[in-house]
PDB file of N, CA and C in Angstrom:
ATOM      1  N   MET A   1     -84.345 -80.265 -97.775  1.00  0.00           N
ATOM      2  CA  MET A   1     -83.606 -80.162 -96.535  1.00  0.00           C
ATOM      3  C   MET A   1     -84.209 -79.029 -95.705  1.00  0.00           C
ATOM      4  N   ARG A   2     -84.322 -79.263 -94.420  1.00  0.00           N
ATOM      5  CA  ARG A   2     -84.880 -78.270 -93.497  1.00  0.00           C
ATOM      6  C   ARG A   2     -83.954 -78.109 -92.302  1.00  0.00           C
ATOM      7  N   SER A   3     -83.937 -76.897 -91.772  1.00  0.00           N
ATOM      8  CA  SER A   3     -83.195 -76.634 -90.540  1.00  0.00           C
ATOM      9  C   SER A   3     -84.190 -76.325 -89.441  1.00  0.00           C
ATOM     10  N   ILE A   4     -83.957 -76.919 -88.279  1.00  0.00           N
ATOM     11  CA  ILE A   4     -84.822 -76.749 -87.124  1.00  0.00           C
ATOM     12  C   ILE A   4     -83.972 -76.162 -86.005  1.00  0.00           C
ATOM     13  N   GLU A   5     -84.392 -75.018 -85.476  1.00  0.00           N
ATOM     14  CA  GLU A   5     -83.688 -74.442 -84.339  1.00  0.00           C
ATOM     15  C   GLU A   5     -84.343 -74.947 -83.063  1.00  0.00           C
ATOM     16  N   VAL A   6     -83.530 -75.433 -82.147  1.00  0.00           N
ATOM     17  CA  VAL A   6     -84.012 -75.974 -80.884  1.00  0.00           C
ATOM     18  C   VAL A   6     -83.470 -75.093 -79.764  1.00  0.00           C
ATOM     19  N   LEU A   7     -84.356 -74.629 -78.896  1.00  0.00           N
ATOM     20  CA  LEU A   7     -83.988 -73.780 -77.762  1.00  0.00           C
ATOM     21  C   LEU A   7     -84.273 -74.528 -76.474  1.00  0.00           C
ATOM     22  N   ASN A   8     -83.299 -74.581 -75.599  1.00  0.00           N
ATOM     23  CA  ASN A   8     -83.488 -75.189 -74.282  1.00  0.00           C
ATOM     24  C   ASN A   8     -83.834 -74.075 -73.300  1.00  0.00           C
ATOM     25  N   ASP A   9     -85.131 -73.915 -73.024  1.00  0.00           N
ATOM     26  CA  ASP A   9     -85.541 -72.872 -72.080  1.00  0.00           C
ATOM     27  C   ASP A   9     -85.838 -73.448 -70.698  1.00  0.00           C
ATOM     28  N   GLY A  10     -85.420 -74.693 -70.475  1.00  0.00           N
ATOM     29  CA  GLY A  10     -85.606 -75.335 -69.179  1.00  0.00           C
ATOM     30  C   GLY A  10     -84.353 -75.256 -68.328  1.00  0.00           C
ATOM     31  N   PRO A  11     -84.416 -75.790 -67.111  1.00  0.00           N
ATOM     32  CA  PRO A  11     -83.286 -75.714 -66.186  1.00  0.00           C
ATOM     33  C   PRO A  11     -82.289 -76.873 -66.309  1.00  0.00           C
ATOM     34  N   HIS A  12     -82.540 -77.835 -67.221  1.00  0.00           N
ATOM     35  CA  HIS A  12     -81.695 -79.018 -67.316  1.00  0.00           C
ATOM     36  C   HIS A  12     -81.124 -79.181 -68.724  1.00  0.00           C
ATOM     37  N   GLU A  13     -80.079 -79.975 -68.846  1.00  0.00           N
ATOM     38  CA  GLU A  13     -79.521 -80.306 -70.153  1.00  0.00           C
ATOM     39  C   GLU A  13     -80.530 -81.136 -70.945  1.00  0.00           C
ATOM     40  N   HIS A  14     -80.518 -80.970 -72.277  1.00  0.00           N
ATOM     41  CA  HIS A  14     -81.366 -81.756 -73.168  1.00  0.00           C
ATOM     42  C   HIS A  14     -80.588 -82.092 -74.430  1.00  0.00           C
ATOM     43  N   ASP A  15     -81.081 -83.083 -75.163  1.00  0.00           N
ATOM     44  CA  ASP A  15     -80.597 -83.357 -76.507  1.00  0.00           C
ATOM     45  C   ASP A  15     -81.828 -83.608 -77.366  1.00  0.00           C
ATOM     46  N   LEU A  16     -81.620 -83.941 -78.626  1.00  0.00           N
ATOM     47  CA  LEU A  16     -82.746 -84.193 -79.514  1.00  0.00           C
ATOM     48  C   LEU A  16     -82.386 -85.325 -80.455  1.00  0.00           C
ATOM     49  N   THR A  17     -83.276 -86.302 -80.554  1.00  0.00           N
ATOM     50  CA  THR A  17     -83.179 -87.356 -81.552  1.00  0.00           C
ATOM     51  C   THR A  17     -84.452 -87.301 -82.378  1.00  0.00           C
ATOM     52  N   ILE A  18     -84.293 -87.334 -83.704  1.00  0.00           N
ATOM     53  CA  ILE A  18     -85.433 -87.302 -84.612  1.00  0.00           C
ATOM     54  C   ILE A  18     -85.483 -88.632 -85.347  1.00  0.00           C
ATOM     55  N   VAL A  19     -86.629 -89.315 -85.249  1.00  0.00           N
ATOM     56  CA  VAL A  19     -86.818 -90.625 -85.874  1.00  0.00           C
ATOM     57  C   VAL A  19     -87.970 -90.522 -86.866  1.00  0.00           C
ATOM     58  N   ARG A  20     -87.704 -90.900 -88.123  1.00  0.00           N
ATOM     59  CA  ARG A  20     -88.796 -90.982 -89.109  1.00  0.00           C
ATOM     60  C   ARG A  20     -89.477 -92.316 -88.896  1.00  0.00           C
ATOM     61  N   LEU A  21     -90.750 -92.278 -88.511  1.00  0.00           N
ATOM     62  CA  LEU A  21     -91.494 -93.492 -88.182  1.00  0.00           C
ATOM     63  C   LEU A  21     -91.925 -94.233 -89.443  1.00  0.00           C
ATOM     64  N   GLU A  22     -91.821 -95.552 -89.402  1.00  0.00           N
ATOM     65  CA  GLU A  22     -92.322 -96.395 -90.482  1.00  0.00           C
ATOM     66  C   GLU A  22     -93.846 -96.329 -90.461  1.00  0.00           C
ATOM     67  N   ALA A  23     -94.492 -96.846 -91.515  1.00  0.00           N
ATOM     68  CA  ALA A  23     -95.948 -96.789 -91.620  1.00  0.00           C
ATOM     69  C   ALA A  23     -96.636 -97.364 -90.381  1.00  0.00           C
ATOM     70  N   ALA A  24     -96.117 -98.475 -89.865  1.00  0.00           N
ATOM     71  CA  ALA A  24     -96.723 -99.107 -88.685  1.00  0.00           C
ATOM     72  C   ALA A  24     -96.094 -98.607 -87.387  1.00  0.00           C
ATOM     73  N   GLY A  25     -95.165 -97.674 -87.469  1.00  0.00           N
ATOM     74  CA  GLY A  25     -94.482 -97.170 -86.281  1.00  0.00           C
ATOM     75  C   GLY A  25     -95.347 -96.202 -85.495  1.00  0.00           C
ATOM     76  N   SER A  26     -94.989 -96.002 -84.252  1.00  0.00           N
ATOM     77  CA  SER A  26     -95.696 -95.057 -83.392  1.00  0.00           C
ATOM     78  C   SER A  26     -94.728 -94.584 -82.320  1.00  0.00           C
ATOM     79  N   VAL A  27     -95.106 -93.531 -81.633  1.00  0.00           N
ATOM     80  CA  VAL A  27     -94.282 -93.047 -80.524  1.00  0.00           C
ATOM     81  C   VAL A  27     -94.187 -94.130 -79.457  1.00  0.00           C
ATOM     82  N   ALA A  28     -95.298 -94.824 -79.180  1.00  0.00           N
ATOM     83  CA  ALA A  28     -95.272 -95.892 -78.169  1.00  0.00           C
ATOM     84  C   ALA A  28     -94.289 -96.989 -78.574  1.00  0.00           C
ATOM     85  N   ARG A  29     -94.293 -97.390 -79.844  1.00  0.00           N
ATOM     86  CA  ARG A  29     -93.343 -98.412 -80.316  1.00  0.00           C
ATOM     87  C   ARG A  29     -91.914 -97.889 -80.260  1.00  0.00           C
ATOM     88  N   ALA A  30     -91.719 -96.603 -80.552  1.00  0.00           N
ATOM     89  CA  ALA A  30     -90.376 -96.019 -80.475  1.00  0.00           C
ATOM     90  C   ALA A  30     -89.864 -96.088 -79.040  1.00  0.00           C
ATOM     91  N   MET A  31     -90.716 -95.784 -78.082  1.00  0.00           N
ATOM     92  CA  MET A  31     -90.307 -95.835 -76.684  1.00  0.00           C
ATOM     93  C   MET A  31     -90.024 -97.272 -76.250  1.00  0.00           C
ATOM     94  N   ASP A  32     -90.849 -98.233 -76.691  1.00  0.00           N
ATOM     95  CA  ASP A  32     -90.586 -99.642 -76.388  1.00  0.00           C
ATOM     96  C   ASP A  32     -89.235-100.064 -76.941  1.00  0.00           C
ATOM     97  N   TRP A  33     -88.946 -99.646 -78.167  1.00  0.00           N
ATOM     98  CA  TRP A  33     -87.684-100.002 -78.814  1.00  0.00           C
ATOM     99  C   TRP A  33     -86.494 -99.374 -78.077  1.00  0.00           C
ATOM    100  N   LEU A  34     -86.636 -98.120 -77.680  1.00  0.00           N
ATOM    101  CA  LEU A  34     -85.551 -97.458 -76.955  1.00  0.00           C
ATOM    102  C   LEU A  34     -85.283 -98.143 -75.619  1.00  0.00           C
ATOM    103  N   ASP A  35     -86.350 -98.613 -74.977  1.00  0.00           N
ATOM    104  CA  ASP A  35     -86.202 -99.296 -73.694  1.00  0.00           C
ATOM    105  C   ASP A  35     -85.637-100.701 -73.849  1.00  0.00           C
ATOM    106  N   ASN A  36     -85.854-101.332 -75.009  1.00  0.00           N
ATOM    107  CA  ASN A  36     -85.420-102.706 -75.218  1.00  0.00           C
ATOM    108  C   ASN A  36     -85.109-102.928 -76.709  1.00  0.00           C
ATOM    109  N   PRO A  37     -84.023-102.349 -77.218  1.00  0.00           N
ATOM    110  CA  PRO A  37     -83.738-102.439 -78.651  1.00  0.00           C
ATOM    111  C   PRO A  37     -83.482-103.859 -79.147  1.00  0.00           C
ATOM    112  N   GLU A  38     -83.110-104.755 -78.269  1.00  0.00           N
ATOM    113  CA  GLU A  38     -82.854-106.139 -78.686  1.00  0.00           C
ATOM    114  C   GLU A  38     -84.135-106.926 -78.892  1.00  0.00           C
ATOM    115  N   GLY A  39     -85.211-106.546 -78.199  1.00  0.00           N
ATOM    116  CA  GLY A  39     -86.409-107.357 -78.217  1.00  0.00           C
ATOM    117  C   GLY A  39     -87.550-106.842 -79.070  1.00  0.00           C
ATOM    118  N   VAL A  40     -87.412-105.639 -79.627  1.00  0.00           N
ATOM    119  CA  VAL A  40     -88.502-105.028 -80.380  1.00  0.00           C
ATOM    120  C   VAL A  40     -87.947-104.492 -81.698  1.00  0.00           C
ATOM    121  N   ALA A  41     -88.665-104.693 -82.780  1.00  0.00           N
ATOM    122  CA  ALA A  41     -88.233-104.173 -84.087  1.00  0.00           C
ATOM    123  C   ALA A  41     -88.208-102.650 -84.062  1.00  0.00           C
ATOM    124  N   ALA A  42     -87.207-102.058 -84.707  1.00  0.00           N
ATOM    125  CA  ALA A  42     -87.091-100.601 -84.776  1.00  0.00           C
ATOM    126  C   ALA A  42     -88.326-100.029 -85.463  1.00  0.00           C
ATOM    127  N   PRO A  43     -88.924 -98.970 -84.896  1.00  0.00           N
ATOM    128  CA  PRO A  43     -90.139 -98.401 -85.449  1.00  0.00           C
ATOM    129  C   PRO A  43     -89.888 -97.402 -86.569  1.00  0.00           C
ATOM    130  N   GLY A  44     -88.622 -97.134 -86.838  1.00  0.00           N
ATOM    131  CA  GLY A  44     -88.289 -96.143 -87.848  1.00  0.00           C
ATOM    132  C   GLY A  44     -86.791 -95.994 -87.985  1.00  0.00           C
ATOM    133  N   THR A  45     -86.392 -94.882 -88.590  1.00  0.00           N
ATOM    134  CA  THR A  45     -84.984 -94.614 -88.867  1.00  0.00           C
ATOM    135  C   THR A  45     -84.592 -93.268 -88.288  1.00  0.00           C
ATOM    136  N   ALA A  46     -83.504 -93.230 -87.524  1.00  0.00           N
ATOM    137  CA  ALA A  46     -83.001 -91.958 -87.011  1.00  0.00           C
ATOM    138  C   ALA A  46     -82.524 -91.114 -88.184  1.00  0.00           C
ATOM    139  N   VAL A  47     -82.958 -89.858 -88.216  1.00  0.00           N
ATOM    140  CA  VAL A  47     -82.587 -88.979 -89.324  1.00  0.00           C
ATOM    141  C   VAL A  47     -81.783 -87.758 -88.890  1.00  0.00           C
ATOM    142  N   GLY A  48     -81.592 -87.588 -87.585  1.00  0.00           N
ATOM    143  CA  GLY A  48     -80.800 -86.450 -87.132  1.00  0.00           C
ATOM    144  C   GLY A  48     -81.026 -86.157 -85.670  1.00  0.00           C
ATOM    145  N   GLY A  49     -80.372 -85.107 -85.211  1.00  0.00           N
ATOM    146  CA  GLY A  49     -80.522 -84.708 -83.825  1.00  0.00           C
ATOM    147  C   GLY A  49     -79.351 -83.885 -83.351  1.00  0.00           C
ATOM    148  N   THR A  50     -79.236 -83.765 -82.035  1.00  0.00           N
ATOM    149  CA  THR A  50     -78.176 -82.987 -81.414  1.00  0.00           C
ATOM    150  C   THR A  50     -77.573 -83.774 -80.263  1.00  0.00           C
ATOM    151  N   VAL A  51     -76.409 -83.346 -79.847  1.00  0.00           N
ATOM    152  CA  VAL A  51     -75.849 -83.815 -78.580  1.00  0.00           C
ATOM    153  C   VAL A  51     -76.422 -82.913 -77.496  1.00  0.00           C
ATOM    154  N   GLY A  52     -76.128 -83.218 -76.241  1.00  0.00           N
ATOM    155  CA  GLY A  52     -76.672 -82.439 -75.141  1.00  0.00           C
ATOM    156  C   GLY A  52     -76.265 -80.978 -75.183  1.00  0.00           C
ATOM    157  N   PHE A  53     -77.208 -80.119 -74.790  1.00  0.00           N
ATOM    158  CA  PHE A  53     -76.921 -78.693 -74.663  1.00  0.00           C
ATOM    159  C   PHE A  53     -77.656 -78.161 -73.447  1.00  0.00           C
ATOM    160  N   GLY A  54     -77.002 -77.257 -72.744  1.00  0.00           N
ATOM    161  CA  GLY A  54     -77.475 -76.802 -71.446  1.00  0.00           C
ATOM    162  C   GLY A  54     -78.558 -75.752 -71.493  1.00  0.00           C
ATOM    163  N   PRO A  55     -79.035 -75.365 -70.317  1.00  0.00           N
ATOM    164  CA  PRO A  55     -80.066 -74.344 -70.206  1.00  0.00           C
ATOM    165  C   PRO A  55     -79.663 -73.071 -70.950  1.00  0.00           C
ATOM    166  N   GLY A  56     -80.602 -72.523 -71.701  1.00  0.00           N
ATOM    167  CA  GLY A  56     -80.331 -71.315 -72.485  1.00  0.00           C
ATOM    168  C   GLY A  56     -79.625 -71.604 -73.798  1.00  0.00           C
ATOM    169  N   GLY A  57     -79.230 -72.841 -74.013  1.00  0.00           N
ATOM    170  CA  GLY A  57     -78.520 -73.198 -75.233  1.00  0.00           C
ATOM    171  C   GLY A  57     -79.453 -73.334 -76.424  1.00  0.00           C
ATOM    172  N   ARG A  58     -78.854 -73.234 -77.600  1.00  0.00           N
ATOM    173  CA  ARG A  58     -79.577 -73.397 -78.858  1.00  0.00           C
ATOM    174  C   ARG A  58     -78.807 -74.369 -79.726  1.00  0.00           C
ATOM    175  N   ALA A  59     -79.540 -75.076 -80.553  1.00  0.00           N
ATOM    176  CA  ALA A  59     -78.908 -75.981 -81.510  1.00  0.00           C
ATOM    177  C   ALA A  59     -79.645 -75.850 -82.832  1.00  0.00           C
ATOM    178  N   LEU A  60     -78.915 -76.000 -83.922  1.00  0.00           N
ATOM    179  CA  LEU A  60     -79.507 -75.984 -85.245  1.00  0.00           C
ATOM    180  C   LEU A  60     -79.326 -77.372 -85.844  1.00  0.00           C
ATOM    181  N   VAL A  61     -80.443 -78.008 -86.193  1.00  0.00           N
ATOM    182  CA  VAL A  61     -80.433 -79.355 -86.753  1.00  0.00           C
ATOM    183  C   VAL A  61     -80.903 -79.258 -88.197  1.00  0.00           C
ATOM    184  N   THR A  62     -80.108 -79.767 -89.121  1.00  0.00           N
ATOM    185  CA  THR A  62     -80.494 -79.784 -90.533  1.00  0.00           C
ATOM    186  C   THR A  62     -80.696 -81.227 -90.954  1.00  0.00           C
ATOM    187  N   ILE A  63     -81.897 -81.525 -91.473  1.00  0.00           N
ATOM    188  CA  ILE A  63     -82.234 -82.883 -91.887  1.00  0.00           C
ATOM    189  C   ILE A  63     -82.959 -82.843 -93.230  1.00  0.00           C
ATOM    190  N   VAL A  64     -82.947 -83.971 -93.905  1.00  0.00           N
ATOM    191  CA  VAL A  64     -83.770 -84.151 -95.099  1.00  0.00           C
ATOM    192  C   VAL A  64     -85.148 -84.574 -94.612  1.00  0.00           C
ATOM    193  N   VAL A  65     -86.163 -83.799 -94.973  1.00  0.00           N
ATOM    194  CA  VAL A  65     -87.523 -84.061 -94.516  1.00  0.00           C
ATOM    195  C   VAL A  65     -88.366 -84.538 -95.695  1.00  0.00           C
ATOM    196  N   THR A  66     -89.015 -85.667 -95.507  1.00  0.00           N
ATOM    197  CA  THR A  66     -89.967 -86.162 -96.489  1.00  0.00           C
ATOM    198  C   THR A  66     -91.316 -86.305 -95.789  1.00  0.00           C
ATOM    199  N   SER A  67     -92.365 -86.459 -96.575  1.00  0.00           N
ATOM    200  CA  SER A  67     -93.691 -86.639 -95.985  1.00  0.00           C
ATOM    201  C   SER A  67     -93.684 -87.859 -95.076  1.00  0.00           C
ATOM    202  N   GLY A  68     -94.336 -87.732 -93.956  1.00  0.00           N
ATOM    203  CA  GLY A  68     -94.426 -88.855 -93.035  1.00  0.00           C
ATOM    204  C   GLY A  68     -94.523 -88.387 -91.605  1.00  0.00           C
ATOM    205  N   ARG A  69     -94.420 -89.344 -90.707  1.00  0.00           N
ATOM    206  CA  ARG A  69     -94.512 -89.064 -89.275  1.00  0.00           C
ATOM    207  C   ARG A  69     -93.135 -89.190 -88.637  1.00  0.00           C
ATOM    208  N   TYR A  70     -92.878 -88.322 -87.681  1.00  0.00           N
ATOM    209  CA  TYR A  70     -91.587 -88.269 -87.010  1.00  0.00           C
ATOM    210  C   TYR A  70     -91.792 -88.239 -85.497  1.00  0.00           C
ATOM    211  N   ALA A  71     -90.898 -88.891 -84.780  1.00  0.00           N
ATOM    212  CA  ALA A  71     -90.870 -88.811 -83.325  1.00  0.00           C
ATOM    213  C   ALA A  71     -89.652 -87.974 -82.938  1.00  0.00           C
ATOM    214  N   LEU A  72     -89.838 -87.018 -82.053  1.00  0.00           N
ATOM    215  CA  LEU A  72     -88.755 -86.193 -81.523  1.00  0.00           C
ATOM    216  C   LEU A  72     -88.677 -86.486 -80.035  1.00  0.00           C
ATOM    217  N   LEU A  73     -87.467 -86.774 -79.547  1.00  0.00           N
ATOM    218  CA  LEU A  73     -87.338 -87.146 -78.146  1.00  0.00           C
ATOM    219  C   LEU A  73     -85.980 -86.770 -77.574  1.00  0.00           C
ATOM    220  N   CYS A  74     -85.922 -86.776 -76.259  1.00  0.00           N
ATOM    221  CA  CYS A  74     -84.706 -86.447 -75.518  1.00  0.00           C
ATOM    222  C   CYS A  74     -84.222 -87.669 -74.749  1.00  0.00           C
ATOM    223  N   TRP A  75     -82.935 -87.993 -74.917  1.00  0.00           N
ATOM    224  CA  TRP A  75     -82.305 -89.147 -74.246  1.00  0.00           C
ATOM    225  C   TRP A  75     -81.675 -88.807 -72.896  1.00  0.00           C
ATOM    226  N   VAL A  76     -81.448 -87.540 -72.616  1.00  0.00           N
ATOM    227  CA  VAL A  76     -80.696 -87.154 -71.418  1.00  0.00           C
ATOM    228  C   VAL A  76     -81.411 -87.678 -70.173  1.00  0.00           C
ATOM    229  N   PRO A  77     -80.669 -88.290 -69.240  1.00  0.00           N
ATOM    230  CA  PRO A  77     -81.299 -88.797 -68.018  1.00  0.00           C
ATOM    231  C   PRO A  77     -81.554 -87.690 -67.002  1.00  0.00           C
ATOM    232  N   ASP A  78     -82.603 -87.883 -66.203  1.00  0.00           N
ATOM    233  CA  ASP A  78     -82.859 -86.960 -65.105  1.00  0.00           C
ATOM    234  C   ASP A  78     -82.090 -87.432 -63.870  1.00  0.00           C
ATOM    235  N   ASP A  79     -82.333 -86.818 -62.734  1.00  0.00           N
ATOM    236  CA  ASP A  79     -81.588 -87.155 -61.515  1.00  0.00           C
ATOM    237  C   ASP A  79     -81.816 -88.593 -61.054  1.00  0.00           C
ATOM    238  N   SER A  80     -82.943 -89.190 -61.461  1.00  0.00           N
ATOM    239  CA  SER A  80     -83.232 -90.571 -61.055  1.00  0.00           C
ATOM    240  C   SER A  80     -82.586 -91.587 -61.997  1.00  0.00           C
ATOM    241  N   GLY A  81     -82.028 -91.110 -63.114  1.00  0.00           N
ATOM    242  CA  GLY A  81     -81.423 -92.006 -64.090  1.00  0.00           C
ATOM    243  C   GLY A  81     -82.338 -92.355 -65.247  1.00  0.00           C
ATOM    244  N   LYS A  82     -83.613 -91.926 -65.183  1.00  0.00           N
ATOM    245  CA  LYS A  82     -84.533 -92.182 -66.291  1.00  0.00           C
ATOM    246  C   LYS A  82     -84.313 -91.137 -67.383  1.00  0.00           C
ATOM    247  N   ALA A  83     -84.343 -91.602 -68.633  1.00  0.00           N
ATOM    248  CA  ALA A  83     -84.222 -90.676 -69.758  1.00  0.00           C
ATOM    249  C   ALA A  83     -85.445 -89.772 -69.818  1.00  0.00           C
ATOM    250  N   HIS A  84     -85.243 -88.558 -70.307  1.00  0.00           N
ATOM    251  CA  HIS A  84     -86.362 -87.617 -70.391  1.00  0.00           C
ATOM    252  C   HIS A  84     -87.514 -88.160 -71.225  1.00  0.00           C
ATOM    253  N   TYR A  85     -87.235 -88.934 -72.289  1.00  0.00           N
ATOM    254  CA  TYR A  85     -88.344 -89.486 -73.073  1.00  0.00           C
ATOM    255  C   TYR A  85     -89.205 -90.417 -72.218  1.00  0.00           C
ATOM    256  N   GLN A  86     -88.597 -91.073 -71.214  1.00  0.00           N
ATOM    257  CA  GLN A  86     -89.356 -91.945 -70.321  1.00  0.00           C
ATOM    258  C   GLN A  86     -90.243 -91.138 -69.380  1.00  0.00           C
ATOM    259  N   ARG A  87     -89.970 -89.855 -69.285  1.00  0.00           N
ATOM    260  CA  ARG A  87     -90.762 -88.944 -68.446  1.00  0.00           C
ATOM    261  C   ARG A  87     -91.752 -88.131 -69.285  1.00  0.00           C
ATOM    262  N   GLY A  88     -91.846 -88.475 -70.580  1.00  0.00           N
ATOM    263  CA  GLY A  88     -92.838 -87.791 -71.438  1.00  0.00           C
ATOM    264  C   GLY A  88     -92.266 -86.807 -72.422  1.00  0.00           C
ATOM    265  N   MET A  89     -90.953 -86.621 -72.471  1.00  0.00           N
ATOM    266  CA  MET A  89     -90.370 -85.660 -73.387  1.00  0.00           C
ATOM    267  C   MET A  89     -90.174 -86.313 -74.755  1.00  0.00           C
ATOM    268  N   VAL A  90     -91.299 -86.580 -75.388  1.00  0.00           N
ATOM    269  CA  VAL A  90     -91.339 -87.181 -76.727  1.00  0.00           C
ATOM    270  C   VAL A  90     -92.599 -86.672 -77.409  1.00  0.00           C
ATOM    271  N   ARG A  91     -92.484 -86.317 -78.685  1.00  0.00           N
ATOM    272  CA  ARG A  91     -93.623 -85.818 -79.445  1.00  0.00           C
ATOM    273  C   ARG A  91     -93.603 -86.427 -80.842  1.00  0.00           C
ATOM    274  N   GLU A  92     -94.790 -86.560 -81.403  1.00  0.00           N
ATOM    275  CA  GLU A  92     -94.917 -87.002 -82.790  1.00  0.00           C
ATOM    276  C   GLU A  92     -95.344 -85.820 -83.642  1.00  0.00           C
ATOM    277  N   TYR A  93     -94.720 -85.683 -84.816  1.00  0.00           N
ATOM    278  CA  TYR A  93     -95.063 -84.645 -85.770  1.00  0.00           C
ATOM    279  C   TYR A  93     -95.305 -85.281 -87.127  1.00  0.00           C
ATOM    280  N   THR A  94     -96.240 -84.709 -87.876  1.00  0.00           N
ATOM    281  CA  THR A  94     -96.527 -85.193 -89.216  1.00  0.00           C
ATOM    282  C   THR A  94     -96.119 -84.112 -90.219  1.00  0.00           C
ATOM    283  N   VAL A  95     -95.376 -84.521 -91.242  1.00  0.00           N
ATOM    284  CA  VAL A  95     -94.976 -83.635 -92.330  1.00  0.00           C
ATOM    285  C   VAL A  95     -95.772 -84.059 -93.554  1.00  0.00           C
ATOM    286  N   GLN A  96     -96.463 -83.104 -94.166  1.00  0.00           N
ATOM    287  CA  GLN A  96     -97.266 -83.432 -95.348  1.00  0.00           C
ATOM    288  C   GLN A  96     -96.612 -82.959 -96.609  1.00  0.00           C
TER     289      GLN A  96
END
């Protein structure tokens, strides 16, 4: 089990979703799935995250971490209604 501290040092609200990617999964497939969950197979399994927290806020996320690849992304919409992950707020991390 690992704890991850998340700091929002930006001017907008954010949240965090952590997805453990399947062997054939990718960040691109995760984004396709988020945009159309009915039409695309899930690229992995959600393993944790946070609800929204404002500028200057901190969150502590505790998850079970195993070797593999993970996608971290933000669902909060911007002023145009697009989720932050659709604007590039998504990263892939590998745990060995």
